[in-house]
Amino acid sequence: MGDYFLLAISCIFVNNILLAQYLGNCPFLGVSKKMETATGMATAVIFVLVLAGAITWALSHYILKPFDLEYLQTLSFILVIASLVSFVELFLKKSIPALYSGLGIFLPLITTNCAVMGVCLINIKEEYNFLETLVSSFTYPAGFGLALVLYAGLRERILLARVPKPLQDTAIGLVGAGMMSLAFMAFKGMA
């Protein structure tokens, strides 16, 4: 039990997929202008990644490795992720149209989100068992969501502040992201 807790803490804080490993920056910068879209994106990524982690682990261990097809790993993982994102996109379009329109182009970009593919590959590379894969596939995107929501709050506060002209818009956003990344680097001492 303690090993799973340490894995979860490591995935959320120490090896945060976004701020420590720098994967998934496109949706991080794109949907973090409003708290609602940031929360929706975080939830969608958690859903996709938990399912993608479980399916890609099973695919790798029961099909690719036994039949010596490991060279198809990237292609098969992309197909799994794209299928799951299409499902999420259809679900949101029918069930929560406001969130669907708020996420815009960034929802289908989960398919090419390197954080999703990165976590699936990390699970295989680290040779996690199925339960460890589920823990990391849930806690990596939870850390992603934590960083996304914190950053959305920061960006909402920045809109109310007086920012010097050269630092407005993207520049101050990147400075804020850098500061958050430095703050999360303090957790590296926990490893």
N, C-alpha and C. Protein backbone atom coordinates (compact mmCIF):
# COMPACT_ATOMS: atom_id res chain seq x y z
N MET A 1 0.82 -1.20 0.00
CA MET A 1 0.00 0.00 0.00
C MET A 1 0.86 1.26 0.00
N GLY A 2 1.95 1.20 0.78
CA GLY A 2 2.84 2.35 0.87
C GLY A 2 3.52 2.65 -0.45
N ASP A 3 3.83 1.59 -1.22
CA ASP A 3 4.47 1.79 -2.52
C ASP A 3 3.54 2.53 -3.48
N TYR A 4 2.26 2.21 -3.44
CA TYR A 4 1.30 2.87 -4.31
C TYR A 4 1.11 4.33 -3.92
N PHE A 5 1.14 4.59 -2.61
CA PHE A 5 1.04 5.97 -2.14
C PHE A 5 2.25 6.78 -2.60
N LEU A 6 3.44 6.20 -2.48
CA LEU A 6 4.65 6.90 -2.94
C LEU A 6 4.63 7.12 -4.45
N LEU A 7 4.12 6.13 -5.19
CA LEU A 7 3.98 6.29 -6.64
C LEU A 7 3.03 7.44 -6.97
N ALA A 8 1.93 7.52 -6.23
CA ALA A 8 0.94 8.58 -6.46
C ALA A 8 1.55 9.95 -6.17
N ILE A 9 2.24 10.09 -5.04
CA ILE A 9 2.87 11.36 -4.69
C ILE A 9 3.92 11.73 -5.72
N SER A 10 4.68 10.75 -6.16
CA SER A 10 5.70 10.99 -7.17
C SER A 10 5.08 11.48 -8.47
N CYS A 11 3.99 10.86 -8.90
CA CYS A 11 3.36 11.24 -10.17
C CYS A 11 2.71 12.62 -10.10
N ILE A 12 2.14 12.95 -8.96
CA ILE A 12 1.44 14.24 -8.84
C ILE A 12 2.41 15.39 -8.63
N PHE A 13 3.34 15.23 -7.72
CA PHE A 13 4.18 16.35 -7.34
C PHE A 13 5.62 16.27 -7.86
N VAL A 14 6.31 15.19 -7.59
CA VAL A 14 7.74 15.10 -7.88
C VAL A 14 8.01 15.05 -9.38
N ASN A 15 7.31 14.17 -10.07
CA ASN A 15 7.49 14.01 -11.52
C ASN A 15 6.26 14.50 -12.27
N ASN A 16 5.72 15.63 -11.86
CA ASN A 16 4.53 16.18 -12.50
C ASN A 16 4.74 16.18 -14.01
N ILE A 17 3.81 15.56 -14.71
CA ILE A 17 3.96 15.36 -16.15
C ILE A 17 4.06 16.69 -16.89
N LEU A 18 3.48 17.73 -16.36
CA LEU A 18 3.44 19.02 -17.03
C LEU A 18 4.59 19.93 -16.60
N LEU A 19 4.80 20.05 -15.31
CA LEU A 19 5.76 21.03 -14.82
C LEU A 19 7.16 20.48 -14.58
N ALA A 20 7.31 19.17 -14.45
CA ALA A 20 8.64 18.59 -14.26
C ALA A 20 9.13 17.87 -15.51
N GLN A 21 8.20 17.25 -16.25
CA GLN A 21 8.60 16.54 -17.46
C GLN A 21 8.26 17.30 -18.74
N TYR A 22 7.55 18.40 -18.61
CA TYR A 22 7.23 19.31 -19.71
C TYR A 22 6.49 18.63 -20.86
N LEU A 23 5.55 17.79 -20.54
CA LEU A 23 4.70 17.15 -21.54
C LEU A 23 3.29 17.70 -21.40
N GLY A 24 2.65 18.02 -22.50
CA GLY A 24 1.28 18.50 -22.48
C GLY A 24 1.15 20.00 -22.36
N ASN A 25 2.12 20.74 -22.86
CA ASN A 25 2.09 22.20 -22.73
C ASN A 25 1.04 22.88 -23.60
N CYS A 26 0.67 22.28 -24.72
CA CYS A 26 -0.30 22.91 -25.61
C CYS A 26 -1.65 23.13 -24.92
N PRO A 27 -2.28 22.09 -24.34
CA PRO A 27 -3.53 22.36 -23.64
C PRO A 27 -3.33 23.18 -22.37
N PHE A 28 -2.15 23.08 -21.78
CA PHE A 28 -1.85 23.85 -20.57
C PHE A 28 -1.96 25.34 -20.86
N LEU A 29 -1.39 25.78 -21.94
CA LEU A 29 -1.44 27.20 -22.28
C LEU A 29 -2.76 27.57 -22.96
N GLY A 30 -3.38 26.61 -23.65
CA GLY A 30 -4.57 26.91 -24.43
C GLY A 30 -5.87 26.99 -23.66
N VAL A 31 -6.08 26.12 -22.68
CA VAL A 31 -7.38 26.08 -22.00
C VAL A 31 -7.32 26.63 -20.59
N SER A 32 -6.24 27.28 -20.24
CA SER A 32 -6.10 27.75 -18.86
C SER A 32 -6.56 29.18 -18.65
N LYS A 33 -7.29 29.74 -19.59
CA LYS A 33 -7.76 31.10 -19.42
C LYS A 33 -8.96 31.20 -18.50
N LYS A 34 -9.74 30.11 -18.42
CA LYS A 34 -10.92 30.07 -17.55
C LYS A 34 -10.87 28.81 -16.70
N MET A 35 -11.31 28.94 -15.48
CA MET A 35 -11.30 27.81 -14.55
C MET A 35 -12.19 26.67 -15.03
N GLU A 36 -13.35 27.00 -15.64
CA GLU A 36 -14.28 25.96 -16.08
C GLU A 36 -13.65 25.09 -17.16
N THR A 37 -13.01 25.71 -18.15
CA THR A 37 -12.41 24.91 -19.22
C THR A 37 -11.20 24.13 -18.72
N ALA A 38 -10.46 24.71 -17.78
CA ALA A 38 -9.31 24.00 -17.21
C ALA A 38 -9.77 22.76 -16.45
N THR A 39 -10.83 22.89 -15.69
CA THR A 39 -11.36 21.76 -14.94
C THR A 39 -11.92 20.70 -15.88
N GLY A 40 -12.62 21.14 -16.91
CA GLY A 40 -13.16 20.20 -17.90
C GLY A 40 -12.06 19.44 -18.63
N MET A 41 -11.00 20.15 -19.02
CA MET A 41 -9.88 19.50 -19.71
C MET A 41 -9.19 18.51 -18.77
N ALA A 42 -9.01 18.90 -17.53
CA ALA A 42 -8.37 18.00 -16.56
C ALA A 42 -9.18 16.72 -16.39
N THR A 43 -10.49 16.85 -16.29
CA THR A 43 -11.35 15.69 -16.14
C THR A 43 -11.30 14.80 -17.38
N ALA A 44 -11.33 15.41 -18.56
CA ALA A 44 -11.27 14.65 -19.80
C ALA A 44 -9.94 13.90 -19.91
N VAL A 45 -8.84 14.55 -19.55
CA VAL A 45 -7.52 13.91 -19.62
C VAL A 45 -7.44 12.75 -18.62
N ILE A 46 -7.98 12.94 -17.42
CA ILE A 46 -7.98 11.85 -16.44
C ILE A 46 -8.74 10.65 -16.99
N PHE A 47 -9.93 10.90 -17.52
CA PHE A 47 -10.75 9.81 -18.06
C PHE A 47 -10.02 9.07 -19.19
N VAL A 48 -9.51 9.84 -20.15
CA VAL A 48 -8.83 9.24 -21.29
C VAL A 48 -7.58 8.49 -20.85
N LEU A 49 -6.82 9.07 -19.94
CA LEU A 49 -5.55 8.46 -19.57
C LEU A 49 -5.72 7.21 -18.72
N VAL A 50 -6.71 7.17 -17.85
CA VAL A 50 -6.93 5.95 -17.06
C VAL A 50 -7.31 4.80 -18.00
N LEU A 51 -8.23 5.06 -18.91
CA LEU A 51 -8.61 4.01 -19.86
C LEU A 51 -7.46 3.66 -20.80
N ALA A 52 -6.76 4.68 -21.30
CA ALA A 52 -5.65 4.44 -22.22
C ALA A 52 -4.53 3.67 -21.53
N GLY A 53 -4.24 4.01 -20.28
CA GLY A 53 -3.21 3.29 -19.55
C GLY A 53 -3.54 1.82 -19.38
N ALA A 54 -4.78 1.55 -19.00
CA ALA A 54 -5.20 0.15 -18.80
C ALA A 54 -5.20 -0.62 -20.12
N ILE A 55 -5.74 -0.02 -21.16
CA ILE A 55 -5.83 -0.72 -22.46
C ILE A 55 -4.45 -0.91 -23.07
N THR A 56 -3.60 0.12 -23.03
CA THR A 56 -2.27 -0.02 -23.63
C THR A 56 -1.41 -1.01 -22.85
N TRP A 57 -1.59 -1.07 -21.53
CA TRP A 57 -0.85 -2.06 -20.73
C TRP A 57 -1.24 -3.47 -21.16
N ALA A 58 -2.55 -3.69 -21.26
CA ALA A 58 -3.04 -5.01 -21.67
C ALA A 58 -2.60 -5.33 -23.10
N LEU A 59 -2.69 -4.36 -23.97
CA LEU A 59 -2.27 -4.54 -25.36
C LEU A 59 -0.79 -4.92 -25.44
N SER A 60 0.00 -4.21 -24.67
CA SER A 60 1.44 -4.47 -24.68
C SER A 60 1.77 -5.85 -24.11
N HIS A 61 1.17 -6.19 -22.98
CA HIS A 61 1.51 -7.44 -22.30
C HIS A 61 0.87 -8.69 -22.90
N TYR A 62 -0.29 -8.55 -23.54
CA TYR A 62 -0.98 -9.73 -24.04
C TYR A 62 -0.94 -9.89 -25.56
N ILE A 63 -0.58 -8.83 -26.28
CA ILE A 63 -0.52 -8.94 -27.74
C ILE A 63 0.85 -8.59 -28.29
N LEU A 64 1.34 -7.39 -27.99
CA LEU A 64 2.58 -6.93 -28.61
C LEU A 64 3.80 -7.73 -28.18
N LYS A 65 3.99 -7.93 -26.88
CA LYS A 65 5.16 -8.68 -26.40
C LYS A 65 5.11 -10.17 -26.76
N PRO A 66 4.00 -10.86 -26.50
CA PRO A 66 3.98 -12.30 -26.82
C PRO A 66 4.17 -12.62 -28.31
N PHE A 67 3.68 -11.74 -29.18
CA PHE A 67 3.80 -12.00 -30.60
C PHE A 67 4.95 -11.24 -31.25
N ASP A 68 5.84 -10.69 -30.42
CA ASP A 68 7.02 -9.96 -30.89
C ASP A 68 6.66 -8.81 -31.84
N LEU A 69 5.64 -8.06 -31.49
CA LEU A 69 5.17 -6.94 -32.29
C LEU A 69 5.41 -5.60 -31.60
N GLU A 70 6.42 -5.54 -30.76
CA GLU A 70 6.66 -4.32 -29.98
C GLU A 70 6.98 -3.11 -30.85
N TYR A 71 7.39 -3.34 -32.10
CA TYR A 71 7.67 -2.24 -33.01
C TYR A 71 6.38 -1.51 -33.41
N LEU A 72 5.23 -2.09 -33.16
CA LEU A 72 3.94 -1.47 -33.43
C LEU A 72 3.37 -0.72 -32.22
N GLN A 73 4.18 -0.59 -31.18
CA GLN A 73 3.72 0.01 -29.94
C GLN A 73 3.19 1.43 -30.14
N THR A 74 3.95 2.29 -30.77
CA THR A 74 3.53 3.68 -30.94
C THR A 74 2.25 3.77 -31.75
N LEU A 75 2.19 3.07 -32.85
CA LEU A 75 1.01 3.10 -33.71
C LEU A 75 -0.23 2.58 -32.97
N SER A 76 -0.09 1.47 -32.28
CA SER A 76 -1.24 0.90 -31.58
C SER A 76 -1.68 1.79 -30.42
N PHE A 77 -0.74 2.41 -29.73
CA PHE A 77 -1.10 3.30 -28.63
C PHE A 77 -1.83 4.53 -29.15
N ILE A 78 -1.39 5.07 -30.28
CA ILE A 78 -2.07 6.24 -30.86
C ILE A 78 -3.49 5.88 -31.26
N LEU A 79 -3.69 4.69 -31.82
CA LEU A 79 -5.04 4.27 -32.20
C LEU A 79 -5.95 4.14 -30.98
N VAL A 80 -5.43 3.60 -29.90
CA VAL A 80 -6.21 3.47 -28.66
C VAL A 80 -6.59 4.86 -28.14
N ILE A 81 -5.61 5.75 -28.06
CA ILE A 81 -5.85 7.10 -27.53
C ILE A 81 -6.83 7.86 -28.41
N ALA A 82 -6.66 7.78 -29.73
CA ALA A 82 -7.57 8.48 -30.65
C ALA A 82 -9.00 7.97 -30.52
N SER A 83 -9.15 6.67 -30.34
CA SER A 83 -10.50 6.11 -30.17
C SER A 83 -11.15 6.62 -28.89
N LEU A 84 -10.37 6.64 -27.81
CA LEU A 84 -10.92 7.12 -26.54
C LEU A 84 -11.28 8.60 -26.59
N VAL A 85 -10.43 9.39 -27.24
CA VAL A 85 -10.72 10.83 -27.35
C VAL A 85 -11.96 11.06 -28.20
N SER A 86 -12.12 10.29 -29.25
CA SER A 86 -13.33 10.42 -30.08
C SER A 86 -14.58 10.12 -29.25
N PHE A 87 -14.49 9.10 -28.41
CA PHE A 87 -15.60 8.76 -27.52
C PHE A 87 -15.91 9.92 -26.57
N VAL A 88 -14.87 10.49 -25.95
CA VAL A 88 -15.06 11.62 -25.03
C VAL A 88 -15.66 12.81 -25.76
N GLU A 89 -15.16 13.07 -26.97
CA GLU A 89 -15.66 14.19 -27.75
C GLU A 89 -17.15 14.03 -28.07
N LEU A 90 -17.54 12.85 -28.49
CA LEU A 90 -18.96 12.60 -28.78
C LEU A 90 -19.81 12.72 -27.52
N PHE A 91 -19.30 12.19 -26.41
CA PHE A 91 -20.03 12.26 -25.15
C PHE A 91 -20.24 13.72 -24.72
N LEU A 92 -19.18 14.53 -24.76
CA LEU A 92 -19.30 15.93 -24.35
C LEU A 92 -20.19 16.72 -25.30
N LYS A 93 -20.12 16.42 -26.58
CA LYS A 93 -20.95 17.13 -27.56
C LYS A 93 -22.43 16.91 -27.28
N LYS A 94 -22.78 15.67 -26.90
CA LYS A 94 -24.18 15.35 -26.61
C LYS A 94 -24.61 15.75 -25.20
N SER A 95 -23.72 15.56 -24.22
CA SER A 95 -24.10 15.73 -22.82
C SER A 95 -23.83 17.13 -22.26
N ILE A 96 -22.67 17.68 -22.57
CA ILE A 96 -22.27 18.97 -22.00
C ILE A 96 -21.80 19.89 -23.13
N PRO A 97 -22.72 20.42 -23.94
CA PRO A 97 -22.33 21.22 -25.10
C PRO A 97 -21.55 22.49 -24.73
N ALA A 98 -21.83 23.07 -23.56
CA ALA A 98 -21.10 24.28 -23.16
C ALA A 98 -19.62 23.98 -22.95
N LEU A 99 -19.33 22.88 -22.28
CA LEU A 99 -17.94 22.49 -22.07
C LEU A 99 -17.30 22.09 -23.40
N TYR A 100 -18.05 21.41 -24.23
CA TYR A 100 -17.54 21.00 -25.55
C TYR A 100 -17.09 22.22 -26.36
N SER A 101 -17.93 23.25 -26.38
CA SER A 101 -17.58 24.46 -27.15
C SER A 101 -16.48 25.25 -26.43
N GLY A 102 -16.45 25.19 -25.10
CA GLY A 102 -15.40 25.90 -24.36
C GLY A 102 -14.02 25.31 -24.59
N LEU A 103 -13.95 23.97 -24.71
CA LEU A 103 -12.67 23.32 -24.96
C LEU A 103 -12.23 23.50 -26.40
N GLY A 104 -13.19 23.63 -27.31
CA GLY A 104 -12.88 23.91 -28.70
C GLY A 104 -11.91 22.91 -29.31
N ILE A 105 -10.89 23.43 -29.98
CA ILE A 105 -9.91 22.61 -30.68
C ILE A 105 -9.04 21.80 -29.73
N PHE A 106 -8.99 22.19 -28.47
CA PHE A 106 -8.10 21.52 -27.53
C PHE A 106 -8.61 20.14 -27.11
N LEU A 107 -9.89 19.88 -27.28
CA LEU A 107 -10.41 18.55 -26.95
C LEU A 107 -9.86 17.48 -27.90
N PRO A 108 -9.96 17.67 -29.23
CA PRO A 108 -9.35 16.65 -30.09
C PRO A 108 -7.83 16.61 -29.98
N LEU A 109 -7.23 17.67 -29.48
CA LEU A 109 -5.78 17.69 -29.31
C LEU A 109 -5.31 16.77 -28.19
N ILE A 110 -6.24 16.24 -27.37
CA ILE A 110 -5.84 15.25 -26.38
C ILE A 110 -5.23 14.04 -27.09
N THR A 111 -5.71 13.78 -28.31
CA THR A 111 -5.18 12.66 -29.08
C THR A 111 -3.68 12.82 -29.31
N THR A 112 -3.27 14.02 -29.62
CA THR A 112 -1.84 14.26 -29.88
C THR A 112 -1.14 14.86 -28.67
N ASN A 113 -1.82 14.88 -27.54
CA ASN A 113 -1.22 15.40 -26.32
C ASN A 113 -0.10 14.45 -25.90
N CYS A 114 1.10 14.97 -25.91
CA CYS A 114 2.25 14.11 -25.62
C CYS A 114 2.22 13.61 -24.17
N ALA A 115 1.47 14.26 -23.29
CA ALA A 115 1.37 13.78 -21.91
C ALA A 115 0.64 12.44 -21.86
N VAL A 116 -0.41 12.29 -22.65
CA VAL A 116 -1.17 11.04 -22.66
C VAL A 116 -0.30 9.91 -23.20
N MET A 117 0.33 10.15 -24.33
CA MET A 117 1.21 9.13 -24.91
C MET A 117 2.41 8.89 -24.00
N GLY A 118 2.93 9.96 -23.42
CA GLY A 118 4.09 9.83 -22.53
C GLY A 118 3.81 8.94 -21.34
N VAL A 119 2.66 9.10 -20.70
CA VAL A 119 2.32 8.28 -19.54
C VAL A 119 2.15 6.82 -19.95
N CYS A 120 1.53 6.57 -21.09
CA CYS A 120 1.38 5.19 -21.56
C CYS A 120 2.75 4.55 -21.79
N LEU A 121 3.67 5.31 -22.37
CA LEU A 121 5.02 4.79 -22.61
C LEU A 121 5.82 4.63 -21.31
N ILE A 122 5.63 5.56 -20.37
CA ILE A 122 6.31 5.47 -19.07
C ILE A 122 5.86 4.20 -18.34
N ASN A 123 4.56 3.92 -18.39
CA ASN A 123 4.03 2.72 -17.73
C ASN A 123 4.70 1.46 -18.26
N ILE A 124 4.92 1.40 -19.56
CA ILE A 124 5.55 0.22 -20.17
C ILE A 124 7.05 0.21 -19.87
N LYS A 125 7.68 1.37 -19.99
CA LYS A 125 9.13 1.46 -19.77
C LYS A 125 9.51 1.11 -18.33
N GLU A 126 8.72 1.57 -17.37
CA GLU A 126 9.00 1.30 -15.96
C GLU A 126 8.58 -0.12 -15.54
N GLU A 127 7.96 -0.84 -16.47
CA GLU A 127 7.50 -2.21 -16.23
C GLU A 127 6.57 -2.31 -15.02
N TYR A 128 5.62 -1.38 -14.95
CA TYR A 128 4.63 -1.41 -13.88
C TYR A 128 3.71 -2.60 -14.06
N ASN A 129 3.25 -3.15 -12.93
CA ASN A 129 2.20 -4.16 -13.02
C ASN A 129 0.89 -3.43 -13.28
N PHE A 130 -0.21 -4.18 -13.41
CA PHE A 130 -1.46 -3.55 -13.80
C PHE A 130 -1.96 -2.53 -12.79
N LEU A 131 -1.85 -2.84 -11.50
CA LEU A 131 -2.31 -1.91 -10.47
C LEU A 131 -1.45 -0.65 -10.43
N GLU A 132 -0.14 -0.80 -10.57
CA GLU A 132 0.74 0.37 -10.63
C GLU A 132 0.42 1.21 -11.87
N THR A 133 0.09 0.55 -12.97
CA THR A 133 -0.29 1.27 -14.18
C THR A 133 -1.56 2.08 -13.94
N LEU A 134 -2.54 1.50 -13.25
CA LEU A 134 -3.76 2.25 -12.95
C LEU A 134 -3.49 3.43 -12.04
N VAL A 135 -2.62 3.23 -11.03
CA VAL A 135 -2.29 4.32 -10.11
C VAL A 135 -1.60 5.45 -10.86
N SER A 136 -0.59 5.11 -11.65
CA SER A 136 0.13 6.17 -12.37
C SER A 136 -0.74 6.79 -13.45
N SER A 137 -1.60 5.99 -14.09
CA SER A 137 -2.48 6.53 -15.14
C SER A 137 -3.56 7.44 -14.57
N PHE A 138 -3.83 7.32 -13.29
CA PHE A 138 -4.77 8.25 -12.64
C PHE A 138 -4.04 9.45 -12.04
N THR A 139 -2.90 9.21 -11.41
CA THR A 139 -2.24 10.30 -10.67
C THR A 139 -1.43 11.23 -11.56
N TYR A 140 -0.87 10.74 -12.67
CA TYR A 140 -0.20 11.66 -13.60
C TYR A 140 -1.18 12.72 -14.12
N PRO A 141 -2.36 12.32 -14.64
CA PRO A 141 -3.29 13.36 -15.08
C PRO A 141 -3.89 14.15 -13.92
N ALA A 142 -3.94 13.57 -12.72
CA ALA A 142 -4.39 14.35 -11.56
C ALA A 142 -3.39 15.47 -11.29
N GLY A 143 -2.10 15.17 -11.40
CA GLY A 143 -1.07 16.20 -11.27
C GLY A 143 -1.17 17.22 -12.40
N PHE A 144 -1.46 16.74 -13.60
CA PHE A 144 -1.67 17.61 -14.76
C PHE A 144 -2.84 18.55 -14.47
N GLY A 145 -3.94 17.97 -13.95
CA GLY A 145 -5.12 18.77 -13.63
C GLY A 145 -4.86 19.77 -12.53
N LEU A 146 -4.09 19.35 -11.51
CA LEU A 146 -3.74 20.27 -10.43
C LEU A 146 -2.97 21.46 -10.97
N ALA A 147 -1.97 21.20 -11.79
CA ALA A 147 -1.19 22.28 -12.38
C ALA A 147 -2.05 23.16 -13.28
N LEU A 148 -2.95 22.54 -14.05
CA LEU A 148 -3.82 23.28 -14.96
C LEU A 148 -4.77 24.20 -14.20
N VAL A 149 -5.37 23.68 -13.14
CA VAL A 149 -6.31 24.48 -12.35
C VAL A 149 -5.58 25.61 -11.60
N LEU A 150 -4.42 25.30 -11.03
CA LEU A 150 -3.64 26.35 -10.36
C LEU A 150 -3.25 27.45 -11.34
N TYR A 151 -2.85 27.04 -12.53
CA TYR A 151 -2.44 28.01 -13.55
C TYR A 151 -3.63 28.83 -14.04
N ALA A 152 -4.80 28.19 -14.17
CA ALA A 152 -6.00 28.92 -14.57
C ALA A 152 -6.35 29.98 -13.53
N GLY A 153 -6.22 29.61 -12.25
CA GLY A 153 -6.45 30.60 -11.19
C GLY A 153 -5.46 31.74 -11.26
N LEU A 154 -4.22 31.42 -11.53
CA LEU A 154 -3.18 32.45 -11.68
C LEU A 154 -3.50 33.37 -12.85
N ARG A 155 -3.91 32.79 -13.98
CA ARG A 155 -4.23 33.61 -15.15
C ARG A 155 -5.45 34.48 -14.93
N GLU A 156 -6.43 33.97 -14.18
CA GLU A 156 -7.60 34.80 -13.87
C GLU A 156 -7.20 35.98 -12.99
N ARG A 157 -6.27 35.74 -12.07
CA ARG A 157 -5.78 36.84 -11.21
C ARG A 157 -4.97 37.85 -12.02
N ILE A 158 -4.20 37.37 -12.97
CA ILE A 158 -3.37 38.26 -13.80
C ILE A 158 -4.25 39.21 -14.60
N LEU A 159 -5.43 38.74 -15.03
CA LEU A 159 -6.33 39.61 -15.78
C LEU A 159 -6.77 40.81 -14.97
N LEU A 160 -6.79 40.67 -13.65
CA LEU A 160 -7.20 41.78 -12.77
C LEU A 160 -6.05 42.69 -12.39
N ALA A 161 -4.83 42.26 -12.66
CA ALA A 161 -3.65 43.02 -12.24
C ALA A 161 -3.20 43.98 -13.34
N ARG A 162 -2.46 44.96 -12.91
CA ARG A 162 -1.83 45.88 -13.87
C ARG A 162 -0.50 45.27 -14.27
N VAL A 163 -0.42 44.85 -15.51
CA VAL A 163 0.79 44.21 -16.02
C VAL A 163 1.46 45.18 -16.99
N PRO A 164 2.79 45.37 -16.87
CA PRO A 164 3.48 46.25 -17.83
C PRO A 164 3.25 45.80 -19.27
N LYS A 165 3.17 46.75 -20.17
CA LYS A 165 2.85 46.49 -21.57
C LYS A 165 3.69 45.37 -22.20
N PRO A 166 5.03 45.35 -22.02
CA PRO A 166 5.81 44.29 -22.67
C PRO A 166 5.52 42.89 -22.14
N LEU A 167 4.93 42.77 -20.96
CA LEU A 167 4.68 41.46 -20.37
C LEU A 167 3.24 40.99 -20.50
N GLN A 168 2.39 41.75 -21.17
CA GLN A 168 0.98 41.38 -21.25
C GLN A 168 0.77 40.13 -22.09
N ASP A 169 -0.34 39.48 -21.85
CA ASP A 169 -0.82 38.30 -22.58
C ASP A 169 0.10 37.09 -22.41
N THR A 170 0.64 36.59 -23.50
CA THR A 170 1.40 35.34 -23.47
C THR A 170 2.66 35.44 -22.62
N ALA A 171 3.33 36.58 -22.67
CA ALA A 171 4.60 36.73 -21.95
C ALA A 171 4.41 36.52 -20.44
N ILE A 172 3.43 37.18 -19.85
CA ILE A 172 3.22 37.03 -18.41
C ILE A 172 2.71 35.62 -18.09
N GLY A 173 1.98 35.02 -19.03
CA GLY A 173 1.55 33.65 -18.84
C GLY A 173 2.72 32.69 -18.78
N LEU A 174 3.69 32.88 -19.65
CA LEU A 174 4.88 32.03 -19.64
C LEU A 174 5.73 32.27 -18.40
N VAL A 175 5.80 33.50 -17.94
CA VAL A 175 6.52 33.79 -16.70
C VAL A 175 5.84 33.07 -15.53
N GLY A 176 4.51 33.13 -15.49
CA GLY A 176 3.77 32.44 -14.44
C GLY A 176 3.97 30.93 -14.50
N ALA A 177 3.97 30.36 -15.70
CA ALA A 177 4.20 28.92 -15.86
C ALA A 177 5.60 28.55 -15.40
N GLY A 178 6.57 29.40 -15.69
CA GLY A 178 7.94 29.16 -15.23
C GLY A 178 8.04 29.18 -13.72
N MET A 179 7.35 30.12 -13.10
CA MET A 179 7.36 30.21 -11.64
C MET A 179 6.69 28.97 -11.02
N MET A 180 5.59 28.52 -11.61
CA MET A 180 4.93 27.31 -11.11
C MET A 180 5.85 26.10 -11.26
N SER A 181 6.55 26.03 -12.38
CA SER A 181 7.47 24.93 -12.60
C SER A 181 8.58 24.93 -11.56
N LEU A 182 9.10 26.10 -11.24
CA LEU A 182 10.12 26.21 -10.20
C LEU A 182 9.57 25.78 -8.84
N ALA A 183 8.33 26.15 -8.56
CA ALA A 183 7.72 25.76 -7.29
C ALA A 183 7.58 24.24 -7.20
N PHE A 184 7.19 23.60 -8.31
CA PHE A 184 7.05 22.15 -8.30
C PHE A 184 8.41 21.46 -8.26
N MET A 185 9.45 22.13 -8.71
CA MET A 185 10.80 21.55 -8.65
C MET A 185 11.24 21.38 -7.19
N ALA A 186 10.64 22.12 -6.28
CA ALA A 186 10.98 21.96 -4.87
C ALA A 186 10.60 20.57 -4.37
N PHE A 187 9.64 19.93 -5.01
CA PHE A 187 9.23 18.59 -4.61
C PHE A 187 10.26 17.54 -5.01
N LYS A 188 11.20 17.89 -5.87
CA LYS A 188 12.23 16.92 -6.29
C LYS A 188 13.02 16.40 -5.10
N GLY A 189 13.12 17.20 -4.05
CA GLY A 189 13.83 16.77 -2.84
C GLY A 189 13.12 15.64 -2.13
N MET A 190 11.86 15.40 -2.44
CA MET A 190 11.10 14.33 -1.82
C MET A 190 11.46 12.96 -2.39
N ALA A 191 12.05 12.97 -3.59
CA ALA A 191 12.31 11.70 -4.29
C ALA A 191 13.36 10.87 -3.57
